[in-house]
Amino acid sequence: MPSTTSLPKTSTSLPYTCTCAAQTSGGSVLLFYRYFANDPVLPPSHTPLTQDPNSLASFHRTLATSLSLTGKFRLASEGFNITLGGTTPAIKEYIKACTSHWSFAGLPLSTPEAQDAFFKPTPGCACAFPGGASIRVTAEITPLGITDYAPASWGNVISLPPAAFHALCEEGDVPLLDVRNHYESRIGYFVSKGNAPAIRPAVRRFSQWPAYVERHVLGKEMFKQPGAWRRIVRGD
């Protein structure tokens, strides 16, 4: 396996000074995503709407403009992947609008606690994204470079609940494979019962994952480490 030591130990820090309205009103950054086909699935009555991601882009573009939000919005027929920043009042209005939109139907968002768990607000502001609001309709919400893929047999794809996953980690028989990039996997990872660390591919971005699989993983039984879940879903 390639060593993660071939990559830099740290990424470049980009400090900034807040110059937007969040200086006085406070602000937040949101980071959230959804695959419509994953649990909790989008209600079937809304499925036809997923075929018009441009309409979904218009919804977010209107909110971003009216609320002075900035960030990155990746929208596709398979779902959405969004990171944005704004003032506290703007963020509250944005979340309110989202929870009543069809693309959020079926998600457990009825309480403030549930909304925080999904949108994951952290302190921040609009000027954390100096490029403004980048709203793009794409083929994939997490760039992998492989579209319209389905496994030869879904029976070979086994999803483990947390307790079962940890039980297998305790057995220590099967290596763990972390599908995140090098910078994220350095922060933390699982270890086996014998204290062996998860395999951490030396990749800078998720689009390099398919090539790594072809070289090192195909034909082997492994378990993928939870974390950065939207990428793990695509890493199957």
Foldseek 3Di string as FASTA:
>chain_A
DDDLVVDDPADDDDDDDDDDPCVPQFKKKWWAKDFQPDPVHQPPVCLVVLQCQVVVLVVVVVLCVVQVKAWEWETESRIITTIIMAGPVSVVVVLVVVCPDSRCPSQPDPDPVSSCVGGVIDTDHRVVHVVGHHRDYDHDNFDQPDHPDDDPDCVVPDDDDPVVVVVVLAVVPAAEAEQAESNVVVVDADAGNVRHTHDHDHHHGNNCLVVCCVVPPPPGDYHYTDDPPVSVVVND
